[in-house]
Amino acid sequence: MNIDPFLADRIVAGYRTYLLLERGLSENTALAYLEDLSKLLVYLRDAHIEYLSADLDVLRDFLVDLSDLGICGRSQARIISGIKSFYHYLVLDGKLEDDPTELLESPKIGLKLPEVLTLGEIDAILQSIDVSTPLGQRNRAMLEVLYSCGLRVSELVNLQISNLFLKDEYISVVGKGNKQRLVPISRCAIKEVNLWMQDRWTIVPKKGEEDVLFLNRRGGRLTRNMVFMLVKQYAEMAGIRKEISPHTFRHSFATHLLEGGANLRAIQEMLGHKSILTTEIYTHVDMNLLREQVNHFHPMNQGN
């Protein structure tokens, strides 16, 4: 089946619209899907195969090609996920009757457990922040909220004042797919946010940023990269040698809840995970910590 280039471009454009509107993905996530799809399209073009004609054998050959290029199993699995999404769209849109990716298997990859901070390490990071300055107080409040509520960094930088219900000790968070969820906030984080708000009102926000909680000194919202740099800076000041990022606070929040006996379903709700399978990675983290404790403290292991 031959497809003229204009039609092919329209199909990919339609797929982009599907990702943004029907799947509710962010612009960045949709772009990542399209970039992964482009790898397949280039492969098929070089092999003189139209993507509506690609069958399971062709797609398996593509996977072999990815492996030969040195692309790791985790990246291959992500690319396959994007390709499956594309062909699912083609079936939904009536371009194909059968989905050639139904039997396409992802490579087996090991479970990558997230880095987790101890309570002592989190406290050390927070104590390294100089709160005598307005921006220092902002950063202290920001990291308290990041850990206390287990937020994604994108959720943190977009947090709005109108979504704070501090008297009731919860906040409303807009997560992936523009889905809202209610998350409890600790009294310690509430205290730091209230202190920041005293300085926050002295900053003139840029147009459209009036409701944003965490502003930079010029009145704009912080970027994800700025939060990443601040976390790295304070971790270094606190003498933390682990490779951490803002997401480490989210992982630590979930792990500490699980260690404290919280229900996995409740953790799923607070994190905003669509599937409980995503949340279950923290059970593996918890088991690793338990194993370390047994190895270190069990009397049968003493002196070995």
C-alpha atoms as a PDB file:
ATOM      1  CA  MET A   1       0.000   0.000   0.000  1.00  0.00           C
ATOM      2  CA  ASN A   2       1.511   3.323  -1.044  1.00  0.00           C
ATOM      3  CA  ILE A   3       0.742   6.479   0.944  1.00  0.00           C
ATOM      4  CA  ASP A   4       1.551   9.893  -0.420  1.00  0.00           C
ATOM      5  CA  PRO A   5       3.727  12.020   1.922  1.00  0.00           C
ATOM      6  CA  PHE A   6       0.930  14.534   2.551  1.00  0.00           C
ATOM      7  CA  LEU A   7      -1.402  11.806   3.819  1.00  0.00           C
ATOM      8  CA  ALA A   8       1.351  10.333   5.967  1.00  0.00           C
ATOM      9  CA  ASP A   9       1.957  13.725   7.571  1.00  0.00           C
ATOM     10  CA  ARG A  10      -1.762  14.093   8.227  1.00  0.00           C
ATOM     11  CA  ILE A  11      -1.905  10.668   9.895  1.00  0.00           C
ATOM     12  CA  VAL A  12       0.967  11.546  12.235  1.00  0.00           C
ATOM     13  CA  ALA A  13      -0.628  14.935  12.935  1.00  0.00           C
ATOM     14  CA  GLY A  14      -3.873  13.136  13.752  1.00  0.00           C
ATOM     15  CA  TYR A  15      -1.988  10.835  16.102  1.00  0.00           C
ATOM     16  CA  ARG A  16      -0.503  13.866  17.876  1.00  0.00           C
ATOM     17  CA  THR A  17      -3.987  15.307  18.347  1.00  0.00           C
ATOM     18  CA  TYR A  18      -5.151  11.926  19.695  1.00  0.00           C
ATOM     19  CA  LEU A  19      -2.324  11.903  22.266  1.00  0.00           C
ATOM     20  CA  LEU A  20      -3.065  15.431  23.442  1.00  0.00           C
ATOM     21  CA  LEU A  21      -6.865  15.402  23.448  1.00  0.00           C
ATOM     22  CA  GLU A  22      -8.034  11.805  23.859  1.00  0.00           C
ATOM     23  CA  ARG A  23      -5.122  10.448  25.899  1.00  0.00           C
ATOM     24  CA  GLY A  24      -4.744  13.724  27.794  1.00  0.00           C
ATOM     25  CA  LEU A  25      -0.939  13.675  27.580  1.00  0.00           C
ATOM     26  CA  SER A  26       1.168  16.777  28.099  1.00  0.00           C
ATOM     27  CA  GLU A  27       2.893  18.433  25.142  1.00  0.00           C
ATOM     28  CA  ASN A  28       6.276  17.124  26.322  1.00  0.00           C
ATOM     29  CA  THR A  29       5.037  13.544  26.697  1.00  0.00           C
ATOM     30  CA  ALA A  30       3.322  13.627  23.297  1.00  0.00           C
ATOM     31  CA  LEU A  31       6.559  14.912  21.757  1.00  0.00           C
ATOM     32  CA  ALA A  32       8.474  12.020  23.347  1.00  0.00           C
ATOM     33  CA  TYR A  33       5.986   9.546  21.802  1.00  0.00           C
ATOM     34  CA  LEU A  34       6.428  11.151  18.374  1.00  0.00           C
ATOM     35  CA  GLU A  35      10.218  11.129  18.661  1.00  0.00           C
ATOM     36  CA  ASP A  36      10.182   7.401  19.458  1.00  0.00           C
ATOM     37  CA  LEU A  37       7.764   6.793  16.579  1.00  0.00           C
ATOM     38  CA  SER A  38      10.124   8.637  14.226  1.00  0.00           C
ATOM     39  CA  LYS A  39      12.767   5.947  14.836  1.00  0.00           C
ATOM     40  CA  LEU A  40      10.407   3.338  13.404  1.00  0.00           C
ATOM     41  CA  LEU A  41       9.346   5.567  10.503  1.00  0.00           C
ATOM     42  CA  VAL A  42      12.979   6.174   9.501  1.00  0.00           C
ATOM     43  CA  TYR A  43      13.686   2.424   9.702  1.00  0.00           C
ATOM     44  CA  LEU A  44      10.650   1.618   7.531  1.00  0.00           C
ATOM     45  CA  ARG A  45      11.498   4.354   5.037  1.00  0.00           C
ATOM     46  CA  ASP A  46      15.029   2.997   4.612  1.00  0.00           C
ATOM     47  CA  ALA A  47      13.565  -0.501   4.170  1.00  0.00           C
ATOM     48  CA  HIS A  48      11.017   0.845   1.629  1.00  0.00           C
ATOM     49  CA  ILE A  49       8.094  -0.379   3.759  1.00  0.00           C
ATOM     50  CA  GLU A  50       4.972   1.694   4.351  1.00  0.00           C
ATOM     51  CA  TYR A  51       3.962   1.710   8.010  1.00  0.00           C
ATOM     52  CA  LEU A  52       0.415   0.590   7.223  1.00  0.00           C
ATOM     53  CA  SER A  53       1.962  -2.498   5.647  1.00  0.00           C
ATOM     54  CA  ALA A  54       4.375  -3.313   8.457  1.00  0.00           C
ATOM     55  CA  ASP A  55       3.647  -6.714   9.998  1.00  0.00           C
ATOM     56  CA  LEU A  56       4.856  -8.408  13.174  1.00  0.00           C
ATOM     57  CA  ASP A  57       8.013  -9.791  11.519  1.00  0.00           C
ATOM     58  CA  VAL A  58       9.001  -6.345  10.261  1.00  0.00           C
ATOM     59  CA  LEU A  59       8.488  -4.856  13.714  1.00  0.00           C
ATOM     60  CA  ARG A  60      10.563  -7.619  15.299  1.00  0.00           C
ATOM     61  CA  ASP A  61      13.345  -6.888  12.819  1.00  0.00           C
ATOM     62  CA  PHE A  62      13.132  -3.260  13.921  1.00  0.00           C
ATOM     63  CA  LEU A  63      13.691  -4.361  17.523  1.00  0.00           C
ATOM     64  CA  VAL A  64      16.754  -6.337  16.471  1.00  0.00           C
ATOM     65  CA  ASP A  65      18.019  -3.195  14.756  1.00  0.00           C
ATOM     66  CA  LEU A  66      17.512  -1.195  17.971  1.00  0.00           C
ATOM     67  CA  SER A  67      19.509  -3.776  19.897  1.00  0.00           C
ATOM     68  CA  ASP A  68      22.304  -3.704  17.300  1.00  0.00           C
ATOM     69  CA  LEU A  69      22.467   0.074  17.712  1.00  0.00           C
ATOM     70  CA  GLY A  70      23.202  -0.423  21.408  1.00  0.00           C
ATOM     71  CA  ILE A  71      19.872   0.932  22.671  1.00  0.00           C
ATOM     72  CA  CYS A  72      19.289  -0.505  26.147  1.00  0.00           C
ATOM     73  CA  GLY A  73      16.337  -2.720  27.068  1.00  0.00           C
ATOM     74  CA  ARG A  74      14.596  -0.017  29.090  1.00  0.00           C
ATOM     75  CA  SER A  75      14.722   2.433  26.160  1.00  0.00           C
ATOM     76  CA  GLN A  76      13.577  -0.309  23.771  1.00  0.00           C
ATOM     77  CA  ALA A  77      10.586  -0.999  26.021  1.00  0.00           C
ATOM     78  CA  ARG A  78       9.659   2.691  25.976  1.00  0.00           C
ATOM     79  CA  ILE A  79       9.922   2.842  22.175  1.00  0.00           C
ATOM     80  CA  ILE A  80       7.775  -0.296  21.833  1.00  0.00           C
ATOM     81  CA  SER A  81       5.152   1.231  24.106  1.00  0.00           C
ATOM     82  CA  GLY A  82       4.990   4.267  21.816  1.00  0.00           C
ATOM     83  CA  ILE A  83       4.723   2.115  18.697  1.00  0.00           C
ATOM     84  CA  LYS A  84       1.901   0.078  20.244  1.00  0.00           C
ATOM     85  CA  SER A  85       0.089   3.314  21.033  1.00  0.00           C
ATOM     86  CA  PHE A  86       0.465   4.488  17.413  1.00  0.00           C
ATOM     87  CA  TYR A  87      -0.885   1.289  15.882  1.00  0.00           C
ATOM     88  CA  HIS A  88      -3.717   1.237  18.416  1.00  0.00           C
ATOM     89  CA  TYR A  89      -4.616   4.713  17.168  1.00  0.00           C
ATOM     90  CA  LEU A  90      -4.523   3.553  13.527  1.00  0.00           C
ATOM     91  CA  VAL A  91      -7.019   0.788  14.365  1.00  0.00           C
ATOM     92  CA  LEU A  92      -9.260   3.199  16.279  1.00  0.00           C
ATOM     93  CA  ASP A  93      -9.156   5.649  13.388  1.00  0.00           C
ATOM     94  CA  GLY A  94     -10.076   2.977  10.849  1.00  0.00           C
ATOM     95  CA  LYS A  95      -6.738   3.064   9.010  1.00  0.00           C
ATOM     96  CA  LEU A  96      -6.070  -0.593   9.924  1.00  0.00           C
ATOM     97  CA  GLU A  97      -8.284  -3.553  10.728  1.00  0.00           C
ATOM     98  CA  ASP A  98      -5.720  -5.541  12.722  1.00  0.00           C
ATOM     99  CA  ASP A  99      -3.036  -4.322  15.104  1.00  0.00           C
ATOM    100  CA  PRO A 100       0.369  -5.838  14.130  1.00  0.00           C
ATOM    101  CA  THR A 101       1.824  -4.955  17.569  1.00  0.00           C
ATOM    102  CA  GLU A 102      -0.544  -7.171  19.597  1.00  0.00           C
ATOM    103  CA  LEU A 103       2.033  -9.977  19.854  1.00  0.00           C
ATOM    104  CA  LEU A 104       5.053  -7.656  19.956  1.00  0.00           C
ATOM    105  CA  GLU A 105       6.897  -8.296  23.222  1.00  0.00           C
ATOM    106  CA  SER A 106       9.077  -5.866  25.103  1.00  0.00           C
ATOM    107  CA  PRO A 107      12.559  -6.983  26.181  1.00  0.00           C
ATOM    108  CA  LYS A 108      12.891  -8.292  29.724  1.00  0.00           C
ATOM    109  CA  ILE A 109      14.339  -5.553  31.906  1.00  0.00           C
ATOM    110  CA  GLY A 110      15.371  -5.598  35.525  1.00  0.00           C
ATOM    111  CA  LEU A 111      13.421  -3.626  38.089  1.00  0.00           C
ATOM    112  CA  LYS A 112      15.125  -0.283  38.677  1.00  0.00           C
ATOM    113  CA  LEU A 113      14.431   0.778  42.223  1.00  0.00           C
ATOM    114  CA  PRO A 114      14.298   4.511  42.943  1.00  0.00           C
ATOM    115  CA  GLU A 115      16.817   6.216  45.214  1.00  0.00           C
ATOM    116  CA  VAL A 116      15.325   6.961  48.639  1.00  0.00           C
ATOM    117  CA  LEU A 117      16.374   9.447  51.303  1.00  0.00           C
ATOM    118  CA  THR A 118      16.194   8.663  55.001  1.00  0.00           C
ATOM    119  CA  LEU A 119      14.300  10.983  57.340  1.00  0.00           C
ATOM    120  CA  GLY A 120      17.659  12.148  58.663  1.00  0.00           C
ATOM    121  CA  GLU A 121      18.902  13.000  55.167  1.00  0.00           C
ATOM    122  CA  ILE A 122      15.730  14.922  54.331  1.00  0.00           C
ATOM    123  CA  ASP A 123      16.033  16.861  57.579  1.00  0.00           C
ATOM    124  CA  ALA A 124      19.702  17.611  56.818  1.00  0.00           C
ATOM    125  CA  ILE A 125      18.761  19.002  53.396  1.00  0.00           C
ATOM    126  CA  LEU A 126      16.003  21.178  54.855  1.00  0.00           C
ATOM    127  CA  GLN A 127      18.276  22.442  57.643  1.00  0.00           C
ATOM    128  CA  SER A 128      20.931  23.456  55.080  1.00  0.00           C
ATOM    129  CA  ILE A 129      18.593  26.142  53.693  1.00  0.00           C
ATOM    130  CA  ASP A 130      19.153  29.692  54.953  1.00  0.00           C
ATOM    131  CA  VAL A 131      15.628  30.901  55.727  1.00  0.00           C
ATOM    132  CA  SER A 132      16.764  34.406  56.713  1.00  0.00           C
ATOM    133  CA  THR A 133      16.203  35.491  53.086  1.00  0.00           C
ATOM    134  CA  PRO A 134      12.872  35.496  51.206  1.00  0.00           C
ATOM    135  CA  LEU A 135      14.155  33.100  48.539  1.00  0.00           C
ATOM    136  CA  GLY A 136      15.575  30.813  51.207  1.00  0.00           C
ATOM    137  CA  GLN A 137      12.183  30.702  52.905  1.00  0.00           C
ATOM    138  CA  ARG A 138      10.581  29.977  49.525  1.00  0.00           C
ATOM    139  CA  ASN A 139      12.969  27.098  48.932  1.00  0.00           C
ATOM    140  CA  ARG A 140      12.365  25.661  52.410  1.00  0.00           C
ATOM    141  CA  ALA A 141       8.589  25.802  51.881  1.00  0.00           C
ATOM    142  CA  MET A 142       8.962  24.313  48.424  1.00  0.00           C
ATOM    143  CA  LEU A 143      10.955  21.276  49.542  1.00  0.00           C
ATOM    144  CA  GLU A 144       8.702  20.769  52.570  1.00  0.00           C
ATOM    145  CA  VAL A 145       5.693  20.618  50.222  1.00  0.00           C
ATOM    146  CA  LEU A 146       7.567  18.413  47.742  1.00  0.00           C
ATOM    147  CA  TYR A 147       8.236  15.809  50.439  1.00  0.00           C
ATOM    148  CA  SER A 148       5.117  16.288  52.571  1.00  0.00           C
ATOM    149  CA  CYS A 149       2.750  15.849  49.609  1.00  0.00           C
ATOM    150  CA  GLY A 150       4.813  13.581  47.328  1.00  0.00           C
ATOM    151  CA  LEU A 151       4.367  15.902  44.356  1.00  0.00           C
ATOM    152  CA  ARG A 152       5.862  15.632  40.892  1.00  0.00           C
ATOM    153  CA  VAL A 153       8.097  18.636  40.194  1.00  0.00           C
ATOM    154  CA  SER A 154       5.685  19.841  37.463  1.00  0.00           C
ATOM    155  CA  GLU A 155       2.865  19.761  40.022  1.00  0.00           C
ATOM    156  CA  LEU A 156       4.993  21.743  42.465  1.00  0.00           C
ATOM    157  CA  VAL A 157       5.906  24.588  40.111  1.00  0.00           C
ATOM    158  CA  ASN A 158       2.295  24.883  38.918  1.00  0.00           C
ATOM    159  CA  LEU A 159       0.755  24.792  42.407  1.00  0.00           C
ATOM    160  CA  GLN A 160      -1.736  27.628  42.844  1.00  0.00           C
ATOM    161  CA  ILE A 161      -2.658  29.614  45.943  1.00  0.00           C
ATOM    162  CA  SER A 162      -6.354  29.053  45.235  1.00  0.00           C
ATOM    163  CA  ASN A 163      -5.742  25.295  45.533  1.00  0.00           C
ATOM    164  CA  LEU A 164      -4.382  25.538  49.080  1.00  0.00           C
ATOM    165  CA  PHE A 165      -6.788  24.599  51.852  1.00  0.00           C
ATOM    166  CA  LEU A 166      -4.334  24.925  54.700  1.00  0.00           C
ATOM    167  CA  LYS A 167      -6.897  25.253  57.490  1.00  0.00           C
ATOM    168  CA  ASP A 168      -8.232  21.853  56.453  1.00  0.00           C
ATOM    169  CA  GLU A 169      -4.671  20.550  55.956  1.00  0.00           C
ATOM    170  CA  TYR A 170      -4.914  19.507  52.316  1.00  0.00           C
ATOM    171  CA  ILE A 171      -4.134  20.854  48.854  1.00  0.00           C
ATOM    172  CA  SER A 172      -5.676  20.273  45.444  1.00  0.00           C
ATOM    173  CA  VAL A 173      -3.159  19.132  42.853  1.00  0.00           C
ATOM    174  CA  VAL A 174      -3.493  19.072  39.061  1.00  0.00           C
ATOM    175  CA  GLY A 175      -1.576  16.014  37.868  1.00  0.00           C
ATOM    176  CA  LYS A 176      -1.050  14.141  34.615  1.00  0.00           C
ATOM    177  CA  GLY A 177      -3.916  14.398  32.145  1.00  0.00           C
ATOM    178  CA  ASN A 178      -5.183  17.482  34.016  1.00  0.00           C
ATOM    179  CA  LYS A 179      -6.636  15.190  36.674  1.00  0.00           C
ATOM    180  CA  GLN A 180      -7.183  16.760  40.073  1.00  0.00           C
ATOM    181  CA  ARG A 181      -6.583  14.985  43.362  1.00  0.00           C
ATOM    182  CA  LEU A 182      -6.684  16.009  47.010  1.00  0.00           C
ATOM    183  CA  VAL A 183      -3.485  15.468  49.002  1.00  0.00           C
ATOM    184  CA  PRO A 184      -2.960  15.953  52.753  1.00  0.00           C
ATOM    185  CA  ILE A 185      -0.239  18.438  53.713  1.00  0.00           C
ATOM    186  CA  SER A 186       1.773  18.250  56.935  1.00  0.00           C
ATOM    187  CA  ARG A 187       1.574  20.935  59.592  1.00  0.00           C
ATOM    188  CA  CYS A 188       5.299  21.528  59.207  1.00  0.00           C
ATOM    189  CA  ALA A 189       4.844  22.248  55.494  1.00  0.00           C
ATOM    190  CA  ILE A 190       1.838  24.482  56.268  1.00  0.00           C
ATOM    191  CA  LYS A 191       3.981  26.519  58.669  1.00  0.00           C
ATOM    192  CA  GLU A 192       6.713  27.015  56.039  1.00  0.00           C
ATOM    193  CA  VAL A 193       4.191  27.934  53.322  1.00  0.00           C
ATOM    194  CA  ASN A 194       2.590  30.539  55.593  1.00  0.00           C
ATOM    195  CA  LEU A 195       6.005  32.039  56.305  1.00  0.00           C
ATOM    196  CA  TRP A 196       6.750  32.162  52.562  1.00  0.00           C
ATOM    197  CA  MET A 197       3.401  33.811  51.852  1.00  0.00           C
ATOM    198  CA  GLN A 198       4.454  36.828  53.932  1.00  0.00           C
ATOM    199  CA  ASP A 199       7.262  37.423  51.412  1.00  0.00           C
ATOM    200  CA  ARG A 200       5.265  36.166  48.423  1.00  0.00           C
ATOM    201  CA  TRP A 201       2.883  39.143  48.650  1.00  0.00           C
ATOM    202  CA  THR A 202       5.809  41.591  48.243  1.00  0.00           C
ATOM    203  CA  ILE A 203       6.591  40.206  44.752  1.00  0.00           C
ATOM    204  CA  VAL A 204       4.755  41.633  41.757  1.00  0.00           C
ATOM    205  CA  PRO A 205       3.719  38.589  39.684  1.00  0.00           C
ATOM    206  CA  LYS A 206       3.893  38.574  35.918  1.00  0.00           C
ATOM    207  CA  LYS A 207       0.620  38.627  33.997  1.00  0.00           C
ATOM    208  CA  GLY A 208      -1.017  35.215  34.230  1.00  0.00           C
ATOM    209  CA  GLU A 209       1.108  34.178  37.229  1.00  0.00           C
ATOM    210  CA  GLU A 210      -0.950  35.939  39.919  1.00  0.00           C
ATOM    211  CA  ASP A 211      -2.180  32.687  41.468  1.00  0.00           C
ATOM    212  CA  VAL A 212       1.111  30.751  41.305  1.00  0.00           C
ATOM    213  CA  LEU A 213       2.444  29.918  44.775  1.00  0.00           C
ATOM    214  CA  PHE A 214       6.181  29.691  44.167  1.00  0.00           C
ATOM    215  CA  LEU A 215       7.520  32.665  42.189  1.00  0.00           C
ATOM    216  CA  ASN A 216      11.043  33.702  41.276  1.00  0.00           C
ATOM    217  CA  ARG A 217      12.303  37.164  42.162  1.00  0.00           C
ATOM    218  CA  ARG A 218      11.028  38.519  38.821  1.00  0.00           C
ATOM    219  CA  GLY A 219       7.468  37.351  39.451  1.00  0.00           C
ATOM    220  CA  GLY A 220       7.505  34.316  37.149  1.00  0.00           C
ATOM    221  CA  ARG A 221       6.944  30.706  38.073  1.00  0.00           C
ATOM    222  CA  LEU A 222       9.956  28.498  38.669  1.00  0.00           C
ATOM    223  CA  THR A 223      11.080  26.047  36.020  1.00  0.00           C
ATOM    224  CA  ARG A 224      11.581  22.329  36.592  1.00  0.00           C
ATOM    225  CA  ASN A 225      15.295  22.805  35.977  1.00  0.00           C
ATOM    226  CA  MET A 226      15.563  25.492  38.666  1.00  0.00           C
ATOM    227  CA  VAL A 227      14.020  23.149  41.244  1.00  0.00           C
ATOM    228  CA  PHE A 228      16.377  20.360  40.139  1.00  0.00           C
ATOM    229  CA  MET A 229      19.399  22.648  40.605  1.00  0.00           C
ATOM    230  CA  LEU A 230      18.216  23.777  44.046  1.00  0.00           C
ATOM    231  CA  VAL A 231      17.764  20.178  45.224  1.00  0.00           C
ATOM    232  CA  LYS A 232      21.258  19.244  44.023  1.00  0.00           C
ATOM    233  CA  GLN A 233      22.721  22.350  45.679  1.00  0.00           C
ATOM    234  CA  TYR A 234      21.140  21.731  49.086  1.00  0.00           C
ATOM    235  CA  ALA A 235      21.923  18.003  48.994  1.00  0.00           C
ATOM    236  CA  GLU A 236      25.583  18.833  48.384  1.00  0.00           C
ATOM    237  CA  MET A 237      25.547  21.371  51.229  1.00  0.00           C
ATOM    238  CA  ALA A 238      24.042  18.708  53.512  1.00  0.00           C
ATOM    239  CA  GLY A 239      26.772  16.238  52.555  1.00  0.00           C
ATOM    240  CA  ILE A 240      24.382  13.834  50.804  1.00  0.00           C
ATOM    241  CA  ARG A 241      26.326  11.715  48.326  1.00  0.00           C
ATOM    242  CA  LYS A 242      23.352   9.994  46.692  1.00  0.00           C
ATOM    243  CA  GLU A 243      22.299  10.844  43.138  1.00  0.00           C
ATOM    244  CA  ILE A 244      19.054  12.675  43.847  1.00  0.00           C
ATOM    245  CA  SER A 245      16.537  14.886  42.082  1.00  0.00           C
ATOM    246  CA  PRO A 246      13.179  16.455  43.014  1.00  0.00           C
ATOM    247  CA  HIS A 247      11.591  13.091  42.210  1.00  0.00           C
ATOM    248  CA  THR A 248      13.653  11.520  45.015  1.00  0.00           C
ATOM    249  CA  PHE A 249      11.497  13.409  47.523  1.00  0.00           C
ATOM    250  CA  ARG A 250       8.395  11.847  45.943  1.00  0.00           C
ATOM    251  CA  HIS A 251       9.940   8.365  46.128  1.00  0.00           C
ATOM    252  CA  SER A 252      10.934   8.970  49.748  1.00  0.00           C
ATOM    253  CA  PHE A 253       7.416  10.179  50.626  1.00  0.00           C
ATOM    254  CA  ALA A 254       5.877   6.971  49.262  1.00  0.00           C
ATOM    255  CA  THR A 255       8.460   4.673  50.836  1.00  0.00           C
ATOM    256  CA  HIS A 256       8.164   6.279  54.257  1.00  0.00           C
ATOM    257  CA  LEU A 257       4.359   5.988  54.109  1.00  0.00           C
ATOM    258  CA  LEU A 258       4.649   2.292  53.258  1.00  0.00           C
ATOM    259  CA  GLU A 259       7.162   1.728  56.044  1.00  0.00           C
ATOM    260  CA  GLY A 260       4.743   3.433  58.423  1.00  0.00           C
ATOM    261  CA  GLY A 261       1.979   0.995  57.499  1.00  0.00           C
ATOM    262  CA  ALA A 262      -0.003   3.042  54.965  1.00  0.00           C
ATOM    263  CA  ASN A 263      -2.310   1.164  52.590  1.00  0.00           C
ATOM    264  CA  LEU A 264      -0.896   0.787  49.069  1.00  0.00           C
ATOM    265  CA  ARG A 265      -4.177   1.961  47.530  1.00  0.00           C
ATOM    266  CA  ALA A 266      -4.081   5.121  49.644  1.00  0.00           C
ATOM    267  CA  ILE A 267      -0.511   5.797  48.485  1.00  0.00           C
ATOM    268  CA  GLN A 268      -1.648   5.302  44.879  1.00  0.00           C
ATOM    269  CA  GLU A 269      -4.345   7.954  45.360  1.00  0.00           C
ATOM    270  CA  MET A 270      -1.973  10.451  46.955  1.00  0.00           C
ATOM    271  CA  LEU A 271       0.660   9.983  44.249  1.00  0.00           C
ATOM    272  CA  GLY A 272      -1.908  10.194  41.461  1.00  0.00           C
ATOM    273  CA  HIS A 273      -0.841   6.901  39.866  1.00  0.00           C
ATOM    274  CA  LYS A 274      -3.283   5.656  37.250  1.00  0.00           C
ATOM    275  CA  SER A 275      -2.372   2.030  37.946  1.00  0.00           C
ATOM    276  CA  ILE A 276      -1.648   0.299  41.253  1.00  0.00           C
ATOM    277  CA  LEU A 277       1.159  -1.545  39.418  1.00  0.00           C
ATOM    278  CA  THR A 278       3.141   1.708  39.291  1.00  0.00           C
ATOM    279  CA  THR A 279       2.783   2.151  43.040  1.00  0.00           C
ATOM    280  CA  GLU A 280       3.837  -1.438  43.746  1.00  0.00           C
ATOM    281  CA  ILE A 281       7.480  -0.606  43.018  1.00  0.00           C
ATOM    282  CA  TYR A 282       7.569   0.801  46.564  1.00  0.00           C
ATOM    283  CA  THR A 283       6.852  -2.645  47.989  1.00  0.00           C
ATOM    284  CA  HIS A 284      10.150  -3.735  46.394  1.00  0.00           C
ATOM    285  CA  VAL A 285      11.914  -0.742  47.941  1.00  0.00           C
ATOM    286  CA  ASP A 286      10.430  -1.651  51.313  1.00  0.00           C
ATOM    287  CA  MET A 287      11.541  -5.286  50.976  1.00  0.00           C
ATOM    288  CA  ASN A 288      15.078  -4.168  50.123  1.00  0.00           C
ATOM    289  CA  LEU A 289      15.167  -2.021  53.251  1.00  0.00           C
ATOM    290  CA  LEU A 290      13.805  -4.918  55.301  1.00  0.00           C
ATOM    291  CA  ARG A 291      16.462  -7.242  53.876  1.00  0.00           C
ATOM    292  CA  GLU A 292      19.190  -4.754  54.794  1.00  0.00           C
ATOM    293  CA  GLN A 293      17.849  -4.543  58.348  1.00  0.00           C
ATOM    294  CA  VAL A 294      17.770  -8.350  58.683  1.00  0.00           C
ATOM    295  CA  ASN A 295      21.291  -8.723  57.291  1.00  0.00           C
ATOM    296  CA  HIS A 296      22.585  -6.060  59.654  1.00  0.00           C
ATOM    297  CA  PHE A 297      20.750  -6.864  62.875  1.00  0.00           C
ATOM    298  CA  HIS A 298      19.725 -10.539  62.826  1.00  0.00           C
ATOM    299  CA  PRO A 299      21.877 -12.460  65.370  1.00  0.00           C
ATOM    300  CA  MET A 300      22.607 -15.250  62.867  1.00  0.00           C
ATOM    301  CA  ASN A 301      24.355 -12.671  60.687  1.00  0.00           C
ATOM    302  CA  GLN A 302      26.519 -11.189  63.430  1.00  0.00           C
ATOM    303  CA  GLY A 303      30.202 -11.835  63.044  1.00  0.00           C
ATOM    304  CA  ASN A 304      29.897 -13.137  59.468  1.00  0.00           C
END
